[in-house]
PDB file of N, CA and C in Angstrom:
ATOM      1  N   UNK A   1     122.321 228.958 103.108  1.00  0.00           N
ATOM      2  CA  UNK A   1     123.446 228.076 103.410  1.00  0.00           C
ATOM      3  C   UNK A   1     123.562 227.058 102.283  1.00  0.00           C
ATOM      4  N   UNK A   2     124.757 226.893 101.778  1.00  0.00           N
ATOM      5  CA  UNK A   2     125.022 225.975 100.668  1.00  0.00           C
ATOM      6  C   UNK A   2     125.839 224.784 101.176  1.00  0.00           C
ATOM      7  N   UNK A   3     125.298 223.600 100.979  1.00  0.00           N
ATOM      8  CA  UNK A   3     125.982 222.385 101.381  1.00  0.00           C
ATOM      9  C   UNK A   3     126.309 221.572 100.147  1.00  0.00           C
ATOM     10  N   UNK A   4     127.558 221.158 100.035  1.00  0.00           N
ATOM     11  CA  UNK A   4     127.983 220.349  98.894  1.00  0.00           C
ATOM     12  C   UNK A   4     128.023 218.886  99.311  1.00  0.00           C
ATOM     13  N   UNK A   5     127.365 218.048  98.525  1.00  0.00           N
ATOM     14  CA  UNK A   5     127.365 216.616  98.782  1.00  0.00           C
ATOM     15  C   UNK A   5     128.198 215.961  97.695  1.00  0.00           C
ATOM     16  N   UNK A   6     129.188 215.214  98.103  1.00  0.00           N
ATOM     17  CA  UNK A   6     130.053 214.547  97.144  1.00  0.00           C
ATOM     18  C   UNK A   6     129.827 213.043  97.256  1.00  0.00           C
ATOM     19  N   UNK A   7     129.241 212.477  96.226  1.00  0.00           N
ATOM     20  CA  UNK A   7     128.905 211.052  96.214  1.00  0.00           C
ATOM     21  C   UNK A   7     130.159 210.169  96.210  1.00  0.00           C
ATOM     22  N   UNK A   8     131.318 210.755  95.897  1.00  0.00           N
ATOM     23  CA  UNK A   8     132.553 209.981  95.787  1.00  0.00           C
ATOM     24  C   UNK A   8     133.313 209.838  97.106  1.00  0.00           C
ATOM     25  N   UNK A   9     132.996 210.658  98.090  1.00  0.00           N
ATOM     26  CA  UNK A   9     133.774 210.657  99.333  1.00  0.00           C
ATOM     27  C   UNK A   9     133.826 209.296 100.016  1.00  0.00           C
ATOM     28  N   UNK A  10     132.678 208.695 100.281  1.00  0.00           N
ATOM     29  CA  UNK A  10     132.653 207.424 100.994  1.00  0.00           C
ATOM     30  C   UNK A  10     133.268 206.288 100.174  1.00  0.00           C
ATOM     31  N   UNK A  11     132.893 206.146  98.895  1.00  0.00           N
ATOM     32  CA  UNK A  11     133.515 205.057  98.123  1.00  0.00           C
ATOM     33  C   UNK A  11     135.033 205.193  98.030  1.00  0.00           C
ATOM     34  N   UNK A  12     135.527 206.394  97.799  1.00  0.00           N
ATOM     35  CA  UNK A  12     136.980 206.578  97.682  1.00  0.00           C
ATOM     36  C   UNK A  12     137.665 206.278  99.006  1.00  0.00           C
ATOM     37  N   UNK A  13     137.073 206.693 100.106  1.00  0.00           N
ATOM     38  CA  UNK A  13     137.658 206.402 101.421  1.00  0.00           C
ATOM     39  C   UNK A  13     137.659 204.901 101.698  1.00  0.00           C
ATOM     40  N   UNK A  14     136.576 204.215 101.360  1.00  0.00           N
ATOM     41  CA  UNK A  14     136.520 202.760 101.544  1.00  0.00           C
ATOM     42  C   UNK A  14     137.554 202.055 100.666  1.00  0.00           C
ATOM     43  N   UNK A  15     137.694 202.508  99.437  1.00  0.00           N
ATOM     44  CA  UNK A  15     138.680 201.918  98.522  1.00  0.00           C
ATOM     45  C   UNK A  15     140.086 202.135  99.065  1.00  0.00           C
ATOM     46  N   UNK A  16     140.355 203.350  99.558  1.00  0.00           N
ATOM     47  CA  UNK A  16     141.678 203.655 100.123  1.00  0.00           C
ATOM     48  C   UNK A  16     141.997 202.735 101.292  1.00  0.00           C
ATOM     49  N   UNK A  17     141.052 202.585 102.217  1.00  0.00           N
ATOM     50  CA  UNK A  17     141.277 201.739 103.387  1.00  0.00           C
ATOM     51  C   UNK A  17     141.492 200.276 102.983  1.00  0.00           C
ATOM     52  N   UNK A  18     140.699 199.803 102.045  1.00  0.00           N
ATOM     53  CA  UNK A  18     140.840 198.420 101.586  1.00  0.00           C
ATOM     54  C   UNK A  18     142.189 198.207 100.928  1.00  0.00           C
ATOM     55  N   UNK A  19     142.611 199.152 100.100  1.00  0.00           N
ATOM     56  CA  UNK A  19     143.914 199.040  99.446  1.00  0.00           C
ATOM     57  C   UNK A  19     145.043 199.012 100.475  1.00  0.00           C
ATOM     58  N   UNK A  20     144.928 199.829 101.508  1.00  0.00           N
ATOM     59  CA  UNK A  20     145.944 199.829 102.561  1.00  0.00           C
ATOM     60  C   UNK A  20     145.993 198.475 103.253  1.00  0.00           C
ATOM     61  N   UNK A  21     144.837 197.901 103.552  1.00  0.00           N
ATOM     62  CA  UNK A  21     144.794 196.597 104.206  1.00  0.00           C
ATOM     63  C   UNK A  21     145.386 195.492 103.325  1.00  0.00           C
ATOM     64  N   UNK A  22     145.237 195.645 102.015  1.00  0.00           N
ATOM     65  CA  UNK A  22     145.760 194.646 101.074  1.00  0.00           C
ATOM     66  C   UNK A  22     147.204 194.931 100.653  1.00  0.00           C
ATOM     67  N   UNK A  23     147.786 195.988 101.203  1.00  0.00           N
ATOM     68  CA  UNK A  23     149.155 196.346 100.837  1.00  0.00           C
ATOM     69  C   UNK A  23     149.250 197.030  99.489  1.00  0.00           C
ATOM     70  N   UNK A  24     148.150 197.637  99.043  1.00  0.00           N
ATOM     71  CA  UNK A  24     148.118 198.300  97.743  1.00  0.00           C
ATOM     72  C   UNK A  24     148.010 199.820  97.881  1.00  0.00           C
ATOM     73  N   UNK A  25     148.457 200.340  99.004  1.00  0.00           N
ATOM     74  CA  UNK A  25     148.356 201.780  99.250  1.00  0.00           C
ATOM     75  C   UNK A  25     149.045 202.617  98.195  1.00  0.00           C
ATOM     76  N   UNK A  26     150.217 202.178  97.746  1.00  0.00           N
ATOM     77  CA  UNK A  26     150.946 202.918  96.709  1.00  0.00           C
ATOM     78  C   UNK A  26     150.182 202.887  95.389  1.00  0.00           C
ATOM     79  N   UNK A  27     149.578 201.747  95.081  1.00  0.00           N
ATOM     80  CA  UNK A  27     148.766 201.642  93.869  1.00  0.00           C
ATOM     81  C   UNK A  27     147.588 202.605  93.930  1.00  0.00           C
ATOM     82  N   UNK A  28     146.951 202.683  95.081  1.00  0.00           N
ATOM     83  CA  UNK A  28     145.810 203.579  95.235  1.00  0.00           C
ATOM     84  C   UNK A  28     146.231 205.021  94.974  1.00  0.00           C
ATOM     85  N   UNK A  29     147.323 205.442  95.603  1.00  0.00           N
ATOM     86  CA  UNK A  29     147.778 206.830  95.430  1.00  0.00           C
ATOM     87  C   UNK A  29     148.101 207.134  93.973  1.00  0.00           C
ATOM     88  N   UNK A  30     148.732 206.203  93.310  1.00  0.00           N
ATOM     89  CA  UNK A  30     149.128 206.408  91.916  1.00  0.00           C
ATOM     90  C   UNK A  30     147.921 206.431  90.992  1.00  0.00           C
ATOM     91  N   UNK A  31     146.918 205.633  91.297  1.00  0.00           N
ATOM     92  CA  UNK A  31     145.753 205.486  90.414  1.00  0.00           C
ATOM     93  C   UNK A  31     144.580 206.396  90.790  1.00  0.00           C
ATOM     94  N   UNK A  32     144.719 207.186  91.841  1.00  0.00           N
ATOM     95  CA  UNK A  32     143.603 208.002  92.316  1.00  0.00           C
ATOM     96  C   UNK A  32     143.016 208.918  91.235  1.00  0.00           C
ATOM     97  N   UNK A  33     143.817 209.655  90.470  1.00  0.00           N
ATOM     98  CA  UNK A  33     143.210 210.508  89.440  1.00  0.00           C
ATOM     99  C   UNK A  33     142.380 209.708  88.423  1.00  0.00           C
ATOM    100  N   UNK A  34     142.905 208.579  87.975  1.00  0.00           N
ATOM    101  CA  UNK A  34     142.168 207.747  87.018  1.00  0.00           C
ATOM    102  C   UNK A  34     140.932 207.142  87.680  1.00  0.00           C
ATOM    103  N   UNK A  35     141.037 206.775  88.955  1.00  0.00           N
ATOM    104  CA  UNK A  35     139.903 206.222  89.694  1.00  0.00           C
ATOM    105  C   UNK A  35     138.773 207.244  89.787  1.00  0.00           C
ATOM    106  N   UNK A  36     139.108 208.486  90.106  1.00  0.00           N
ATOM    107  CA  UNK A  36     138.088 209.529  90.198  1.00  0.00           C
ATOM    108  C   UNK A  36     137.376 209.714  88.862  1.00  0.00           C
ATOM    109  N   UNK A  37     138.132 209.716  87.776  1.00  0.00           N
ATOM    110  CA  UNK A  37     137.545 209.844  86.443  1.00  0.00           C
ATOM    111  C   UNK A  37     136.633 208.667  86.145  1.00  0.00           C
ATOM    112  N   UNK A  38     137.084 207.469  86.500  1.00  0.00           N
ATOM    113  CA  UNK A  38     136.288 206.261  86.285  1.00  0.00           C
ATOM    114  C   UNK A  38     134.973 206.329  87.054  1.00  0.00           C
ATOM    115  N   UNK A  39     135.032 206.716  88.324  1.00  0.00           N
ATOM    116  CA  UNK A  39     133.825 206.807  89.142  1.00  0.00           C
ATOM    117  C   UNK A  39     132.881 207.890  88.619  1.00  0.00           C
ATOM    118  N   UNK A  40     133.428 208.998  88.158  1.00  0.00           N
ATOM    119  CA  UNK A  40     132.603 210.055  87.571  1.00  0.00           C
ATOM    120  C   UNK A  40     131.843 209.527  86.359  1.00  0.00           C
ATOM    121  N   UNK A  41     132.496 208.690  85.571  1.00  0.00           N
ATOM    122  CA  UNK A  41     131.847 208.090  84.412  1.00  0.00           C
ATOM    123  C   UNK A  41     130.695 207.188  84.821  1.00  0.00           C
ATOM    124  N   UNK A  42     130.893 206.414  85.880  1.00  0.00           N
ATOM    125  CA  UNK A  42     129.823 205.539  86.360  1.00  0.00           C
ATOM    126  C   UNK A  42     128.623 206.352  86.838  1.00  0.00           C
ATOM    127  N   UNK A  43     128.897 207.437  87.538  1.00  0.00           N
ATOM    128  CA  UNK A  43     127.810 208.287  88.030  1.00  0.00           C
ATOM    129  C   UNK A  43     127.099 208.952  86.848  1.00  0.00           C
ATOM    130  N   UNK A  44     127.859 209.362  85.853  1.00  0.00           N
ATOM    131  CA  UNK A  44     127.248 209.974  84.666  1.00  0.00           C
ATOM    132  C   UNK A  44     126.324 208.994  83.950  1.00  0.00           C
ATOM    133  N   UNK A  45     126.624 207.702  84.066  1.00  0.00           N
ATOM    134  CA  UNK A  45     125.779 206.666  83.463  1.00  0.00           C
ATOM    135  C   UNK A  45     124.588 206.302  84.347  1.00  0.00           C
ATOM    136  N   UNK A  46     124.505 206.913  85.535  1.00  0.00           N
ATOM    137  CA  UNK A  46     123.348 206.706  86.399  1.00  0.00           C
ATOM    138  C   UNK A  46     123.593 205.921  87.671  1.00  0.00           C
ATOM    139  N   UNK A  47     124.809 205.477  87.909  1.00  0.00           N
ATOM    140  CA  UNK A  47     125.103 204.718  89.134  1.00  0.00           C
ATOM    141  C   UNK A  47     125.167 205.666  90.327  1.00  0.00           C
ATOM    142  N   UNK A  48     124.399 205.370  91.370  1.00  0.00           N
ATOM    143  CA  UNK A  48     124.405 206.206  92.569  1.00  0.00           C
ATOM    144  C   UNK A  48     124.648 205.404  93.849  1.00  0.00           C
ATOM    145  N   UNK A  49     124.709 204.099  93.753  1.00  0.00           N
ATOM    146  CA  UNK A  49     124.914 203.255  94.927  1.00  0.00           C
ATOM    147  C   UNK A  49     126.365 203.341  95.385  1.00  0.00           C
ATOM    148  N   UNK A  50     126.573 203.759  96.632  1.00  0.00           N
ATOM    149  CA  UNK A  50     127.932 203.857  97.173  1.00  0.00           C
ATOM    150  C   UNK A  50     128.608 202.490  97.193  1.00  0.00           C
ATOM    151  N   UNK A  51     127.846 201.452  97.487  1.00  0.00           N
ATOM    152  CA  UNK A  51     128.411 200.106  97.533  1.00  0.00           C
ATOM    153  C   UNK A  51     128.887 199.665  96.149  1.00  0.00           C
ATOM    154  N   UNK A  52     128.083 199.926  95.139  1.00  0.00           N
ATOM    155  CA  UNK A  52     128.483 199.542  93.778  1.00  0.00           C
ATOM    156  C   UNK A  52     129.662 200.368  93.294  1.00  0.00           C
ATOM    157  N   UNK A  53     129.672 201.648  93.630  1.00  0.00           N
ATOM    158  CA  UNK A  53     130.816 202.492  93.256  1.00  0.00           C
ATOM    159  C   UNK A  53     132.090 201.988  93.936  1.00  0.00           C
ATOM    160  N   UNK A  54     131.970 201.590  95.193  1.00  0.00           N
ATOM    161  CA  UNK A  54     133.125 201.065  95.921  1.00  0.00           C
ATOM    162  C   UNK A  54     133.627 199.773  95.278  1.00  0.00           C
ATOM    163  N   UNK A  55     132.731 198.847  95.014  1.00  0.00           N
ATOM    164  CA  UNK A  55     133.132 197.569  94.414  1.00  0.00           C
ATOM    165  C   UNK A  55     133.737 197.773  93.031  1.00  0.00           C
ATOM    166  N   UNK A  56     133.119 198.609  92.225  1.00  0.00           N
ATOM    167  CA  UNK A  56     133.653 198.881  90.887  1.00  0.00           C
ATOM    168  C   UNK A  56     135.004 199.572  90.981  1.00  0.00           C
ATOM    169  N   UNK A  57     135.131 200.484  91.927  1.00  0.00           N
ATOM    170  CA  UNK A  57     136.402 201.189  92.108  1.00  0.00           C
ATOM    171  C   UNK A  57     137.522 200.266  92.557  1.00  0.00           C
ATOM    172  N   UNK A  58     137.226 199.336  93.442  1.00  0.00           N
ATOM    173  CA  UNK A  58     138.234 198.360  93.874  1.00  0.00           C
ATOM    174  C   UNK A  58     138.686 197.500  92.700  1.00  0.00           C
ATOM    175  N   UNK A  59     137.731 197.069  91.908  1.00  0.00           N
ATOM    176  CA  UNK A  59     138.076 196.274  90.720  1.00  0.00           C
ATOM    177  C   UNK A  59     138.951 197.090  89.792  1.00  0.00           C
ATOM    178  N   UNK A  60     138.623 198.339  89.606  1.00  0.00           N
ATOM    179  CA  UNK A  60     139.398 199.226  88.742  1.00  0.00           C
ATOM    180  C   UNK A  60     140.841 199.350  89.242  1.00  0.00           C
ATOM    181  N   UNK A  61     141.009 199.607  90.529  1.00  0.00           N
ATOM    182  CA  UNK A  61     142.354 199.791  91.090  1.00  0.00           C
ATOM    183  C   UNK A  61     143.179 198.513  90.928  1.00  0.00           C
ATOM    184  N   UNK A  62     142.558 197.368  91.134  1.00  0.00           N
ATOM    185  CA  UNK A  62     143.290 196.096  91.042  1.00  0.00           C
ATOM    186  C   UNK A  62     143.626 195.725  89.609  1.00  0.00           C
ATOM    187  N   UNK A  63     142.842 196.175  88.625  1.00  0.00           N
ATOM    188  CA  UNK A  63     143.051 195.754  87.241  1.00  0.00           C
ATOM    189  C   UNK A  63     143.899 196.718  86.424  1.00  0.00           C
ATOM    190  N   UNK A  64     143.799 197.995  86.651  1.00  0.00           N
ATOM    191  CA  UNK A  64     144.497 198.977  85.823  1.00  0.00           C
ATOM    192  C   UNK A  64     145.985 198.930  86.145  1.00  0.00           C
ATOM    193  N   UNK A  65     146.841 198.803  85.118  1.00  0.00           N
ATOM    194  CA  UNK A  65     148.294 198.734  85.370  1.00  0.00           C
ATOM    195  C   UNK A  65     148.868 200.044  85.866  1.00  0.00           C
TER     196      UNK A  65
END
């Protein structure tokens, strides 16, 4: 049996919910591809904390035009 674990699922879901609460749902949808790439880069650099990925991802969504 093969199980796939995706470290991005929880942080992305938390970021999505937070953006919706802040009225940034459209920004989240538009920036999702870039956000995924950004988070992949953080993981490639060794970041594995879901909380840190979430916080960094929120900052990314709010700052990137």
